[in-house]
Amino acid sequence: MKEKRRAGRCRGKVQHALRYLGGAVCECRTVMSHHSDEQALLSVASDSFWEPGNYKRTTRRIDDGHRLCGELQALVQERADIEKTYAKSLRAWGKKWNDLIEKGPEYGTMEAAWKGGMVEAERLSDLHLGVRDRLVNDVIAQIKNWQKDTYHKSMIQLKERKEMDEAFKKAQKPWAKLLQKVERTRLEYHTACKQERTAQNQERNASGDSSLSPDQVKKMAERVSKCREEVSKSREKYQSALAEITGYNPRYIEDMTAVFERCQQMEAQRLTFFKDVLFSFHKCLNISQEPTLPQIYEEFHHTINNADHQKDLKWWANNHGVNMAMAWPQFEEASTEGPEARFAFLTAASTALERIAAFRPRLPSLWDALPLRLCFGGEDSKSRVAPSICSYSLHDGCYANPMFIPVREHGVGRHAPTAGVDQARLTNE
């Protein structure tokens, strides 16, 4: 039963590895290649972790972790660039349309509603710029600092990778030597078995061949006996090597597991850190949690809701429509007034202004130095018509208008107004 178990064929790589570490011999290893015996020596059963050198996939994961830090930084940086570009596009779009709206025909509360979209774009742009800043200053900086503290580069490779490679190599070296011995004795045993079968076939063929002498047949029989002895010796060596490696397997498993667990702890730290980073990434991108976001759209909705077509139509009617004032044409008599009538009008106006000035506070001293002017006709025949639209100011008996025709009252006091001003008291300066 034991021999049958040892000679059974494995159903898979896992079963083969368990058989192999347990010292069992399966048909996977006993079937000889018809190409070369060396190929059988190199055909290590599977790509199991326990096979020599296969630990490098685990140590390579350290390099992968270092590279993944850089790739995660690139991922976040690209998203930050997208946020920045989107924010700039929103702001440029808002500025463009704000100018077009101001220059366009839209008016009133509807114009304000249009501009509400531009305000939303500007505030949302600020929000996405904030997302970009947090991605760069928080997430990317977090990855860089962790990568710097976790991985340390040497001239050729990472120090952490080098340490794990050396630890695995040290744990595997004794077992690898025993495995080489097993593979060598297995090859010797299989070669001896093959030679024995060849010798037996030759002896069997020679016994029926009358052309061979008895001495030749005897030599063939002796060769078969010698091959049988060689098979027995090589089998014992093979079994001894298997027993030796089987006895060392527990120690090998323990040492390799200890180093493997160290690698697992390093990887667990990386995976945990990456999970935290992705949560930070999610937090930065989740603008739905921003307290200002609902406020932006509530105000935008309020601005649109304030659009009132009745107010806009009324404003248009008042400023551009039927509610505007109009100087309708009326009958006008021909004017018969001469210079005397105009002078009388100006005299009455001056009297009224003097009375008003008596009850007004004095202007600052700055105005004392300014020439104050009034436009009206003098004693000569070259009279000028007083302007219908001008800004008058009164101080110290002086009048001013933009026509720059200077006139001054000589008899008017600084503080006390006079009862009237006649033509003789007005002189041209």
Foldseek 3Di string as FASTA:
>chain_A
DLLCVLAAADPDLVSVVVCLLQLGHYPVLLDADPPDLVVSLVPDPDLDCLPPPSCLVLLVVVVVLLVVLVVVLVVLLVVLVVLLVQLVVLLVVLVVVLVVLVPDDDDDLVSLLVNLSSVLSNVVSVLSNQLSCCSVPPLNVLSVVVSVVQWDADPPGTPSSVVLVVLLCVLCVVLVVLSSQLSVLSSQLSVLVVQLVVLVVVLVVVVPDPVDDPVVSVVSVVSNVVSVVSNVVSVVSNSVSSVVSSVCSVSSCVSNVVSSVVSVVSVVVSVVVVVVSVVSNVVSPPCVPPPCVVVSVVVSVVSNVPDDVVVVVVVCCDPPRDVDDDDDDDDDDDDPDDQVVQQVVVFVVLLVVLVVVLPDDADDPVCVPPQAAFAFQAPDPPTDHGDPDFDWDDFQQFIHTPVPFGKGFPPQGRRHGDNTDHRVRIDGD
